[in-house]
PDB file of N, CA and C in Angstrom:
ATOM      1  N   MET A   1       8.312 -13.745   8.465  1.00  0.00           N
ATOM      2  CA  MET A   1       7.467 -12.584   8.645  1.00  0.00           C
ATOM      3  C   MET A   1       8.177 -11.343   8.106  1.00  0.00           C
ATOM      4  N   VAL A   2       7.353 -10.429   7.623  1.00  0.00           N
ATOM      5  CA  VAL A   2       7.845  -9.175   7.064  1.00  0.00           C
ATOM      6  C   VAL A   2       7.232  -8.035   7.872  1.00  0.00           C
ATOM      7  N   GLN A   3       8.050  -7.117   8.302  1.00  0.00           N
ATOM      8  CA  GLN A   3       7.564  -5.988   9.075  1.00  0.00           C
ATOM      9  C   GLN A   3       7.237  -4.823   8.132  1.00  0.00           C
ATOM     10  N   ILE A   4       6.054  -4.230   8.342  1.00  0.00           N
ATOM     11  CA  ILE A   4       5.616  -3.075   7.546  1.00  0.00           C
ATOM     12  C   ILE A   4       5.201  -1.976   8.510  1.00  0.00           C
ATOM     13  N   THR A   5       5.610  -0.749   8.212  1.00  0.00           N
ATOM     14  CA  THR A   5       5.172   0.405   8.990  1.00  0.00           C
ATOM     15  C   THR A   5       4.251   1.244   8.124  1.00  0.00           C
ATOM     16  N   PHE A   6       3.049   1.496   8.635  1.00  0.00           N
ATOM     17  CA  PHE A   6       2.063   2.349   7.972  1.00  0.00           C
ATOM     18  C   PHE A   6       2.088   3.712   8.647  1.00  0.00           C
ATOM     19  N   VAL A   7       2.242   4.755   7.849  1.00  0.00           N
ATOM     20  CA  VAL A   7       2.290   6.114   8.375  1.00  0.00           C
ATOM     21  C   VAL A   7       1.003   6.827   7.972  1.00  0.00           C
ATOM     22  N   GLN A   8       0.230   7.236   8.973  1.00  0.00           N
ATOM     23  CA  GLN A   8      -1.027   7.944   8.734  1.00  0.00           C
ATOM     24  C   GLN A   8      -0.744   9.387   8.315  1.00  0.00           C
ATOM     25  N   PRO A   9      -1.718  10.060   7.705  1.00  0.00           N
ATOM     26  CA  PRO A   9      -1.518  11.454   7.291  1.00  0.00           C
ATOM     27  C   PRO A   9      -1.094  12.381   8.431  1.00  0.00           C
ATOM     28  N   ASP A  10      -1.484  12.055   9.674  1.00  0.00           N
ATOM     29  CA  ASP A  10      -1.100  12.889  10.822  1.00  0.00           C
ATOM     30  C   ASP A  10       0.300  12.554  11.345  1.00  0.00           C
ATOM     31  N   GLY A  11       0.982  11.593  10.702  1.00  0.00           N
ATOM     32  CA  GLY A  11       2.340  11.217  11.095  1.00  0.00           C
ATOM     33  C   GLY A  11       2.418  10.049  12.058  1.00  0.00           C
ATOM     34  N   SER A  12       1.281   9.613  12.607  1.00  0.00           N
ATOM     35  CA  SER A  12       1.312   8.469  13.518  1.00  0.00           C
ATOM     36  C   SER A  12       1.680   7.204  12.734  1.00  0.00           C
ATOM     37  N   ARG A  13       2.353   6.300  13.420  1.00  0.00           N
ATOM     38  CA  ARG A  13       2.877   5.091  12.779  1.00  0.00           C
ATOM     39  C   ARG A  13       2.358   3.842  13.469  1.00  0.00           C
ATOM     40  N   THR A  14       2.073   2.830  12.661  1.00  0.00           N
ATOM     41  CA  THR A  14       1.712   1.513  13.169  1.00  0.00           C
ATOM     42  C   THR A  14       2.569   0.499  12.434  1.00  0.00           C
ATOM     43  N   THR A  15       3.273  -0.335  13.190  1.00  0.00           N
ATOM     44  CA  THR A  15       4.123  -1.367  12.601  1.00  0.00           C
ATOM     45  C   THR A  15       3.496  -2.723  12.871  1.00  0.00           C
ATOM     46  N   ILE A  16       3.412  -3.524  11.822  1.00  0.00           N
ATOM     47  CA  ILE A  16       2.824  -4.857  11.920  1.00  0.00           C
ATOM     48  C   ILE A  16       3.782  -5.894  11.340  1.00  0.00           C
ATOM     49  N   ASP A  17       3.526  -7.146  11.663  1.00  0.00           N
ATOM     50  CA  ASP A  17       4.218  -8.275  11.047  1.00  0.00           C
ATOM     51  C   ASP A  17       3.240  -8.953  10.105  1.00  0.00           C
ATOM     52  N   ALA A  18       3.708  -9.287   8.914  1.00  0.00           N
ATOM     53  CA  ALA A  18       2.850  -9.918   7.907  1.00  0.00           C
ATOM     54  C   ALA A  18       3.574 -11.095   7.278  1.00  0.00           C
ATOM     55  N   ASN A  19       2.804 -11.984   6.695  1.00  0.00           N
ATOM     56  CA  ASN A  19       3.360 -13.170   6.046  1.00  0.00           C
ATOM     57  C   ASN A  19       3.926 -12.839   4.674  1.00  0.00           C
ATOM     58  N   GLU A  20       5.058 -13.441   4.350  1.00  0.00           N
ATOM     59  CA  GLU A  20       5.588 -13.333   2.994  1.00  0.00           C
ATOM     60  C   GLU A  20       4.547 -13.900   2.038  1.00  0.00           C
ATOM     61  N   GLY A  21       4.432 -13.286   0.876  1.00  0.00           N
ATOM     62  CA  GLY A  21       3.469 -13.727  -0.122  1.00  0.00           C
ATOM     63  C   GLY A  21       2.164 -12.963  -0.067  1.00  0.00           C
ATOM     64  N   ALA A  22       1.844 -12.399   1.090  1.00  0.00           N
ATOM     65  CA  ALA A  22       0.631 -11.575   1.201  1.00  0.00           C
ATOM     66  C   ALA A  22       0.888 -10.241   0.511  1.00  0.00           C
ATOM     67  N   SER A  23      -0.181  -9.548   0.172  1.00  0.00           N
ATOM     68  CA  SER A  23      -0.018  -8.195  -0.356  1.00  0.00           C
ATOM     69  C   SER A  23      -0.005  -7.219   0.817  1.00  0.00           C
ATOM     70  N   VAL A  24       0.489  -6.030   0.572  1.00  0.00           N
ATOM     71  CA  VAL A  24       0.464  -4.985   1.596  1.00  0.00           C
ATOM     72  C   VAL A  24      -0.985  -4.713   1.995  1.00  0.00           C
ATOM     73  N   MET A  25      -1.899  -4.731   1.028  1.00  0.00           N
ATOM     74  CA  MET A  25      -3.316  -4.515   1.315  1.00  0.00           C
ATOM     75  C   MET A  25      -3.864  -5.593   2.238  1.00  0.00           C
ATOM     76  N   GLU A  26      -3.579  -6.856   1.939  1.00  0.00           N
ATOM     77  CA  GLU A  26      -4.062  -7.958   2.773  1.00  0.00           C
ATOM     78  C   GLU A  26      -3.537  -7.823   4.202  1.00  0.00           C
ATOM     79  N   ALA A  27      -2.272  -7.459   4.326  1.00  0.00           N
ATOM     80  CA  ALA A  27      -1.679  -7.280   5.650  1.00  0.00           C
ATOM     81  C   ALA A  27      -2.361  -6.141   6.400  1.00  0.00           C
ATOM     82  N   ALA A  28      -2.632  -5.053   5.695  1.00  0.00           N
ATOM     83  CA  ALA A  28      -3.288  -3.900   6.326  1.00  0.00           C
ATOM     84  C   ALA A  28      -4.686  -4.254   6.805  1.00  0.00           C
ATOM     85  N   VAL A  29      -5.463  -4.882   5.939  1.00  0.00           N
ATOM     86  CA  VAL A  29      -6.848  -5.231   6.282  1.00  0.00           C
ATOM     87  C   VAL A  29      -6.883  -6.224   7.442  1.00  0.00           C
ATOM     88  N   SER A  30      -6.044  -7.237   7.408  1.00  0.00           N
ATOM     89  CA  SER A  30      -6.077  -8.246   8.468  1.00  0.00           C
ATOM     90  C   SER A  30      -5.576  -7.713   9.804  1.00  0.00           C
ATOM     91  N   ASN A  31      -4.890  -6.571   9.774  1.00  0.00           N
ATOM     92  CA  ASN A  31      -4.395  -5.967  11.011  1.00  0.00           C
ATOM     93  C   ASN A  31      -5.148  -4.689  11.387  1.00  0.00           C
ATOM     94  N   GLY A  32      -6.253  -4.418  10.706  1.00  0.00           N
ATOM     95  CA  GLY A  32      -7.096  -3.282  11.062  1.00  0.00           C
ATOM     96  C   GLY A  32      -6.466  -1.918  10.858  1.00  0.00           C
ATOM     97  N   ILE A  33      -5.650  -1.779   9.834  1.00  0.00           N
ATOM     98  CA  ILE A  33      -5.012  -0.491   9.563  1.00  0.00           C
ATOM     99  C   ILE A  33      -6.042   0.468   8.959  1.00  0.00           C
ATOM    100  N   ASP A  34      -6.267   1.587   9.637  1.00  0.00           N
ATOM    101  CA  ASP A  34      -7.170   2.617   9.114  1.00  0.00           C
ATOM    102  C   ASP A  34      -6.569   3.233   7.857  1.00  0.00           C
ATOM    103  N   GLY A  35      -7.417   3.501   6.881  1.00  0.00           N
ATOM    104  CA  GLY A  35      -6.970   4.175   5.669  1.00  0.00           C
ATOM    105  C   GLY A  35      -6.795   3.265   4.471  1.00  0.00           C
ATOM    106  N   ILE A  36      -6.921   1.962   4.654  1.00  0.00           N
ATOM    107  CA  ILE A  36      -6.907   1.010   3.543  1.00  0.00           C
ATOM    108  C   ILE A  36      -8.284   0.353   3.534  1.00  0.00           C
ATOM    109  N   PHE A  37      -9.117   0.726   2.558  1.00  0.00           N
ATOM    110  CA  PHE A  37     -10.487   0.214   2.510  1.00  0.00           C
ATOM    111  C   PHE A  37     -10.591  -1.089   1.722  1.00  0.00           C
ATOM    112  N   ALA A  38      -9.878  -1.181   0.601  1.00  0.00           N
ATOM    113  CA  ALA A  38      -9.824  -2.411  -0.193  1.00  0.00           C
ATOM    114  C   ALA A  38     -11.213  -2.904  -0.585  1.00  0.00           C
ATOM    115  N   GLU A  39     -12.019  -2.028  -1.115  1.00  0.00           N
ATOM    116  CA  GLU A  39     -13.393  -2.374  -1.468  1.00  0.00           C
ATOM    117  C   GLU A  39     -13.499  -3.521  -2.466  1.00  0.00           C
ATOM    118  N   CYS A  40     -12.536  -3.669  -3.366  1.00  0.00           N
ATOM    119  CA  CYS A  40     -12.619  -4.731  -4.375  1.00  0.00           C
ATOM    120  C   CYS A  40     -11.909  -6.009  -3.932  1.00  0.00           C
ATOM    121  N   GLY A  41     -11.322  -5.999  -2.749  1.00  0.00           N
ATOM    122  CA  GLY A  41     -10.672  -7.195  -2.229  1.00  0.00           C
ATOM    123  C   GLY A  41      -9.346  -7.535  -2.880  1.00  0.00           C
ATOM    124  N   GLY A  42      -8.760  -6.594  -3.581  1.00  0.00           N
ATOM    125  CA  GLY A  42      -7.450  -6.835  -4.184  1.00  0.00           C
ATOM    126  C   GLY A  42      -7.472  -7.163  -5.658  1.00  0.00           C
ATOM    127  N   ALA A  43      -8.594  -6.902  -6.315  1.00  0.00           N
ATOM    128  CA  ALA A  43      -8.731  -7.220  -7.743  1.00  0.00           C
ATOM    129  C   ALA A  43      -8.285  -6.080  -8.660  1.00  0.00           C
ATOM    130  N   MET A  44      -7.680  -5.024  -8.080  1.00  0.00           N
ATOM    131  CA  MET A  44      -7.227  -3.853  -8.833  1.00  0.00           C
ATOM    132  C   MET A  44      -8.382  -3.214  -9.616  1.00  0.00           C
ATOM    133  N   MET A  45      -9.502  -3.013  -8.899  1.00  0.00           N
ATOM    134  CA  MET A  45     -10.697  -2.471  -9.533  1.00  0.00           C
ATOM    135  C   MET A  45     -11.228  -1.212  -8.849  1.00  0.00           C
ATOM    136  N   CYS A  46     -10.598  -0.747  -7.746  1.00  0.00           N
ATOM    137  CA  CYS A  46     -11.243   0.341  -7.012  1.00  0.00           C
ATOM    138  C   CYS A  46     -10.322   1.477  -6.561  1.00  0.00           C
ATOM    139  N   ALA A  47      -9.067   1.262  -6.400  1.00  0.00           N
ATOM    140  CA  ALA A  47      -8.097   2.267  -5.936  1.00  0.00           C
ATOM    141  C   ALA A  47      -8.309   2.709  -4.493  1.00  0.00           C
ATOM    142  N   THR A  48      -9.059   1.928  -3.694  1.00  0.00           N
ATOM    143  CA  THR A  48      -9.253   2.305  -2.284  1.00  0.00           C
ATOM    144  C   THR A  48      -8.187   1.702  -1.369  1.00  0.00           C
ATOM    145  N   CYS A  49      -7.121   1.185  -1.979  1.00  0.00           N
ATOM    146  CA  CYS A  49      -5.971   0.722  -1.203  1.00  0.00           C
ATOM    147  C   CYS A  49      -4.725   1.518  -1.597  1.00  0.00           C
ATOM    148  N   HIS A  50      -4.956   2.688  -2.160  1.00  0.00           N
ATOM    149  CA  HIS A  50      -3.886   3.588  -2.591  1.00  0.00           C
ATOM    150  C   HIS A  50      -2.955   3.890  -1.419  1.00  0.00           C
ATOM    151  N   CYS A  51      -1.664   3.864  -1.689  1.00  0.00           N
ATOM    152  CA  CYS A  51      -0.674   4.250  -0.686  1.00  0.00           C
ATOM    153  C   CYS A  51       0.488   4.925  -1.398  1.00  0.00           C
ATOM    154  N   TYR A  52       1.352   5.529  -0.602  1.00  0.00           N
ATOM    155  CA  TYR A  52       2.586   6.116  -1.111  1.00  0.00           C
ATOM    156  C   TYR A  52       3.742   5.323  -0.514  1.00  0.00           C
ATOM    157  N   VAL A  53       4.545   4.712  -1.370  1.00  0.00           N
ATOM    158  CA  VAL A  53       5.703   3.954  -0.897  1.00  0.00           C
ATOM    159  C   VAL A  53       6.781   4.953  -0.496  1.00  0.00           C
ATOM    160  N   ASP A  54       7.324   4.770   0.687  1.00  0.00           N
ATOM    161  CA  ASP A  54       8.395   5.646   1.164  1.00  0.00           C
ATOM    162  C   ASP A  54       9.526   5.656   0.139  1.00  0.00           C
ATOM    163  N   ASP A  55      10.130   6.810  -0.059  1.00  0.00           N
ATOM    164  CA  ASP A  55      11.189   6.954  -1.066  1.00  0.00           C
ATOM    165  C   ASP A  55      12.294   5.913  -0.916  1.00  0.00           C
ATOM    166  N   ASP A  56      12.645   5.575   0.317  1.00  0.00           N
ATOM    167  CA  ASP A  56      13.720   4.596   0.548  1.00  0.00           C
ATOM    168  C   ASP A  56      13.362   3.193   0.067  1.00  0.00           C
ATOM    169  N   TRP A  57      12.084   2.925  -0.166  1.00  0.00           N
ATOM    170  CA  TRP A  57      11.607   1.586  -0.542  1.00  0.00           C
ATOM    171  C   TRP A  57      11.093   1.523  -1.977  1.00  0.00           C
ATOM    172  N   ARG A  58      11.046   2.632  -2.638  1.00  0.00           N
ATOM    173  CA  ARG A  58      10.433   2.702  -3.973  1.00  0.00           C
ATOM    174  C   ARG A  58      11.040   1.703  -4.961  1.00  0.00           C
ATOM    175  N   ASP A  59      12.336   1.625  -5.030  1.00  0.00           N
ATOM    176  CA  ASP A  59      12.983   0.715  -5.983  1.00  0.00           C
ATOM    177  C   ASP A  59      12.752  -0.752  -5.611  1.00  0.00           C
ATOM    178  N   LYS A  60      12.631  -1.034  -4.331  1.00  0.00           N
ATOM    179  CA  LYS A  60      12.486  -2.420  -3.874  1.00  0.00           C
ATOM    180  C   LYS A  60      11.084  -2.979  -4.106  1.00  0.00           C
ATOM    181  N   THR A  61      10.077  -2.115  -4.226  1.00  0.00           N
ATOM    182  CA  THR A  61       8.710  -2.602  -4.427  1.00  0.00           C
ATOM    183  C   THR A  61       8.407  -2.872  -5.896  1.00  0.00           C
ATOM    184  N   GLY A  62       9.298  -2.490  -6.785  1.00  0.00           N
ATOM    185  CA  GLY A  62       9.124  -2.779  -8.205  1.00  0.00           C
ATOM    186  C   GLY A  62       8.263  -1.755  -8.932  1.00  0.00           C
ATOM    187  N   GLU A  63       8.083  -2.023 -10.190  1.00  0.00           N
ATOM    188  CA  GLU A  63       7.291  -1.153 -11.055  1.00  0.00           C
ATOM    189  C   GLU A  63       5.801  -1.393 -10.836  1.00  0.00           C
ATOM    190  N   ARG A  64       5.016  -0.437 -11.224  1.00  0.00           N
ATOM    191  CA  ARG A  64       3.563  -0.607 -11.176  1.00  0.00           C
ATOM    192  C   ARG A  64       3.145  -1.721 -12.128  1.00  0.00           C
ATOM    193  N   ALA A  65       2.158  -2.484 -11.719  1.00  0.00           N
ATOM    194  CA  ALA A  65       1.627  -3.566 -12.542  1.00  0.00           C
ATOM    195  C   ALA A  65       0.878  -2.993 -13.742  1.00  0.00           C
ATOM    196  N   ASP A  66       0.713  -3.800 -14.791  1.00  0.00           N
ATOM    197  CA  ASP A  66      -0.086  -3.393 -15.939  1.00  0.00           C
ATOM    198  C   ASP A  66      -1.482  -3.025 -15.458  1.00  0.00           C
ATOM    199  N   GLY A  67      -1.954  -1.868 -15.836  1.00  0.00           N
ATOM    200  CA  GLY A  67      -3.281  -1.416 -15.446  1.00  0.00           C
ATOM    201  C   GLY A  67      -3.312  -0.637 -14.142  1.00  0.00           C
ATOM    202  N   GLU A  68      -2.258  -0.731 -13.357  1.00  0.00           N
ATOM    203  CA  GLU A  68      -2.244  -0.043 -12.059  1.00  0.00           C
ATOM    204  C   GLU A  68      -2.300   1.473 -12.240  1.00  0.00           C
ATOM    205  N   GLU A  69      -1.587   1.989 -13.212  1.00  0.00           N
ATOM    206  CA  GLU A  69      -1.577   3.437 -13.480  1.00  0.00           C
ATOM    207  C   GLU A  69      -2.994   3.948 -13.752  1.00  0.00           C
ATOM    208  N   ILE A  70      -3.740   3.191 -14.541  1.00  0.00           N
ATOM    209  CA  ILE A  70      -5.119   3.592 -14.878  1.00  0.00           C
ATOM    210  C   ILE A  70      -5.977   3.662 -13.623  1.00  0.00           C
ATOM    211  N   MET A  71      -5.868   2.660 -12.751  1.00  0.00           N
ATOM    212  CA  MET A  71      -6.657   2.667 -11.515  1.00  0.00           C
ATOM    213  C   MET A  71      -6.212   3.787 -10.584  1.00  0.00           C
ATOM    214  N   LEU A  72      -4.921   4.055 -10.530  1.00  0.00           N
ATOM    215  CA  LEU A  72      -4.436   5.124  -9.662  1.00  0.00           C
ATOM    216  C   LEU A  72      -4.992   6.479 -10.078  1.00  0.00           C
ATOM    217  N   GLU A  73      -5.271   6.649 -11.355  1.00  0.00           N
ATOM    218  CA  GLU A  73      -5.869   7.907 -11.815  1.00  0.00           C
ATOM    219  C   GLU A  73      -7.268   8.101 -11.233  1.00  0.00           C
ATOM    220  N   CYS A  74      -7.888   7.026 -10.761  1.00  0.00           N
ATOM    221  CA  CYS A  74      -9.215   7.086 -10.136  1.00  0.00           C
ATOM    222  C   CYS A  74      -9.133   7.309  -8.628  1.00  0.00           C
ATOM    223  N   ALA A  75      -7.934   7.316  -8.070  1.00  0.00           N
ATOM    224  CA  ALA A  75      -7.777   7.470  -6.622  1.00  0.00           C
ATOM    225  C   ALA A  75      -8.271   8.837  -6.181  1.00  0.00           C
ATOM    226  N   ALA A  76      -8.831   8.887  -4.980  1.00  0.00           N
ATOM    227  CA  ALA A  76      -9.382  10.138  -4.440  1.00  0.00           C
ATOM    228  C   ALA A  76      -8.279  11.120  -4.058  1.00  0.00           C
ATOM    229  N   ALA A  77      -7.149  10.619  -3.591  1.00  0.00           N
ATOM    230  CA  ALA A  77      -6.057  11.475  -3.130  1.00  0.00           C
ATOM    231  C   ALA A  77      -5.090  11.763  -4.279  1.00  0.00           C
ATOM    232  N   GLU A  78      -4.235  12.718  -4.034  1.00  0.00           N
ATOM    233  CA  GLU A  78      -3.230  13.143  -5.010  1.00  0.00           C
ATOM    234  C   GLU A  78      -2.401  11.970  -5.517  1.00  0.00           C
ATOM    235  N   LEU A  79      -2.212  11.910  -6.820  1.00  0.00           N
ATOM    236  CA  LEU A  79      -1.355  10.905  -7.439  1.00  0.00           C
ATOM    237  C   LEU A  79       0.083  11.427  -7.413  1.00  0.00           C
ATOM    238  N   ARG A  80       0.987  10.604  -6.902  1.00  0.00           N
ATOM    239  CA  ARG A  80       2.407  10.964  -6.819  1.00  0.00           C
ATOM    240  C   ARG A  80       3.239   9.893  -7.516  1.00  0.00           C
ATOM    241  N   GLU A  81       4.505  10.200  -7.732  1.00  0.00           N
ATOM    242  CA  GLU A  81       5.395   9.213  -8.339  1.00  0.00           C
ATOM    243  C   GLU A  81       5.502   7.964  -7.481  1.00  0.00           C
ATOM    244  N   THR A  82       5.318   8.105  -6.180  1.00  0.00           N
ATOM    245  CA  THR A  82       5.432   6.976  -5.260  1.00  0.00           C
ATOM    246  C   THR A  82       4.091   6.279  -5.018  1.00  0.00           C
ATOM    247  N   SER A  83       3.039   6.695  -5.713  1.00  0.00           N
ATOM    248  CA  SER A  83       1.718   6.094  -5.546  1.00  0.00           C
ATOM    249  C   SER A  83       1.706   4.656  -6.042  1.00  0.00           C
ATOM    250  N   ARG A  84       1.093   3.793  -5.248  1.00  0.00           N
ATOM    251  CA  ARG A  84       0.894   2.401  -5.622  1.00  0.00           C
ATOM    252  C   ARG A  84      -0.447   1.939  -5.078  1.00  0.00           C
ATOM    253  N   LEU A  85      -0.980   0.896  -5.676  1.00  0.00           N
ATOM    254  CA  LEU A  85      -2.110   0.188  -5.096  1.00  0.00           C
ATOM    255  C   LEU A  85      -1.489  -0.871  -4.194  1.00  0.00           C
ATOM    256  N   SER A  86      -1.830  -0.832  -2.926  1.00  0.00           N
ATOM    257  CA  SER A  86      -1.179  -1.753  -1.991  1.00  0.00           C
ATOM    258  C   SER A  86      -1.523  -3.214  -2.278  1.00  0.00           C
ATOM    259  N   CYS A  87      -2.595  -3.454  -3.034  1.00  0.00           N
ATOM    260  CA  CYS A  87      -2.936  -4.831  -3.406  1.00  0.00           C
ATOM    261  C   CYS A  87      -1.955  -5.401  -4.426  1.00  0.00           C
ATOM    262  N   GLN A  88      -1.157  -4.549  -5.032  1.00  0.00           N
ATOM    263  CA  GLN A  88      -0.228  -4.992  -6.068  1.00  0.00           C
ATOM    264  C   GLN A  88       1.204  -5.126  -5.568  1.00  0.00           C
ATOM    265  N   ILE A  89       1.419  -4.908  -4.291  1.00  0.00           N
ATOM    266  CA  ILE A  89       2.760  -5.067  -3.713  1.00  0.00           C
ATOM    267  C   ILE A  89       2.773  -6.351  -2.894  1.00  0.00           C
ATOM    268  N   ARG A  90       3.467  -7.363  -3.402  1.00  0.00           N
ATOM    269  CA  ARG A  90       3.589  -8.658  -2.712  1.00  0.00           C
ATOM    270  C   ARG A  90       4.800  -8.613  -1.784  1.00  0.00           C
ATOM    271  N   LEU A  91       4.605  -9.107  -0.589  1.00  0.00           N
ATOM    272  CA  LEU A  91       5.653  -9.064   0.422  1.00  0.00           C
ATOM    273  C   LEU A  91       6.650 -10.202   0.242  1.00  0.00           C
ATOM    274  N   THR A  92       7.902  -9.840   0.281  1.00  0.00           N
ATOM    275  CA  THR A  92       9.012 -10.786   0.253  1.00  0.00           C
ATOM    276  C   THR A  92       9.960 -10.408   1.386  1.00  0.00           C
ATOM    277  N   GLY A  93      10.906 -11.264   1.658  1.00  0.00           N
ATOM    278  CA  GLY A  93      11.899 -10.962   2.684  1.00  0.00           C
ATOM    279  C   GLY A  93      12.654  -9.680   2.394  1.00  0.00           C
ATOM    280  N   ALA A  94      12.814  -9.341   1.117  1.00  0.00           N
ATOM    281  CA  ALA A  94      13.522  -8.121   0.739  1.00  0.00           C
ATOM    282  C   ALA A  94      12.761  -6.858   1.151  1.00  0.00           C
ATOM    283  N   LEU A  95      11.458  -7.006   1.466  1.00  0.00           N
ATOM    284  CA  LEU A  95      10.660  -5.853   1.872  1.00  0.00           C
ATOM    285  C   LEU A  95      10.497  -5.749   3.388  1.00  0.00           C
ATOM    286  N   ASP A  96      11.257  -6.545   4.138  1.00  0.00           N
ATOM    287  CA  ASP A  96      11.188  -6.461   5.592  1.00  0.00           C
ATOM    288  C   ASP A  96      11.620  -5.069   6.037  1.00  0.00           C
ATOM    289  N   GLY A  97      10.720  -4.374   6.749  1.00  0.00           N
ATOM    290  CA  GLY A  97      10.973  -2.997   7.172  1.00  0.00           C
ATOM    291  C   GLY A  97      10.298  -1.962   6.297  1.00  0.00           C
ATOM    292  N   LEU A  98       9.537  -2.402   5.313  1.00  0.00           N
ATOM    293  CA  LEU A  98       8.840  -1.517   4.369  1.00  0.00           C
ATOM    294  C   LEU A  98       8.054  -0.431   5.102  1.00  0.00           C
ATOM    295  N   VAL A  99       8.108   0.780   4.552  1.00  0.00           N
ATOM    296  CA  VAL A  99       7.345   1.905   5.090  1.00  0.00           C
ATOM    297  C   VAL A  99       6.436   2.426   3.983  1.00  0.00           C
ATOM    298  N   VAL A 100       5.133   2.500   4.276  1.00  0.00           N
ATOM    299  CA  VAL A 100       4.174   3.079   3.339  1.00  0.00           C
ATOM    300  C   VAL A 100       3.400   4.180   4.051  1.00  0.00           C
ATOM    301  N   HIS A 101       3.131   5.224   3.298  1.00  0.00           N
ATOM    302  CA  HIS A 101       2.379   6.369   3.811  1.00  0.00           C
ATOM    303  C   HIS A 101       0.963   6.289   3.237  1.00  0.00           C
ATOM    304  N   LEU A 102      -0.013   6.587   4.067  1.00  0.00           N
ATOM    305  CA  LEU A 102      -1.399   6.522   3.640  1.00  0.00           C
ATOM    306  C   LEU A 102      -1.909   7.911   3.265  1.00  0.00           C
ATOM    307  N   PRO A 103      -2.739   7.974   2.231  1.00  0.00           N
ATOM    308  CA  PRO A 103      -3.270   9.277   1.804  1.00  0.00           C
ATOM    309  C   PRO A 103      -4.330   9.772   2.782  1.00  0.00           C
ATOM    310  N   ASP A 104      -4.688  11.028   2.649  1.00  0.00           N
ATOM    311  CA  ASP A 104      -5.674  11.601   3.551  1.00  0.00           C
ATOM    312  C   ASP A 104      -7.105  11.219   3.202  1.00  0.00           C
ATOM    313  N   GLU A 105      -7.308  10.617   2.041  1.00  0.00           N
ATOM    314  CA  GLU A 105      -8.634  10.126   1.681  1.00  0.00           C
ATOM    315  C   GLU A 105      -8.514   8.983   0.686  1.00  0.00           C
ATOM    316  N   GLN A 106      -9.517   8.096   0.661  1.00  0.00           N
ATOM    317  CA  GLN A 106      -9.523   6.958  -0.242  1.00  0.00           C
ATOM    318  C   GLN A 106     -10.771   6.936  -1.115  1.00  0.00           C
ATOM    319  N   ALA A 107     -11.841   7.507  -0.657  1.00  0.00           N
ATOM    320  CA  ALA A 107     -13.100   7.404  -1.419  1.00  0.00           C
ATOM    321  C   ALA A 107     -13.659   8.759  -1.734  1.00  0.00           C
TER     322      ALA A 107
END
């Protein structure tokens, strides 16, 4: 299991346990995390799973996938250097303790 902490725009935190191999988006949706809509189900077609990877975890989550930058430009919230589509971050043991911040809007 991999532990992920989701930080809401108001600073509140929710920590969940997720299976290795799942995406951050899948973990969020299956645990009822507010702020991850995932309208396309993880097909990198909607940008409603936009998140900001905490600075301490940025290098560990890897580079943006091909096409991810284009979809992020469609995100409703501000695009930052730490912006990622949570459907494109696959959980591994190296990401145990991952912290992601959620934007103030998705749609």
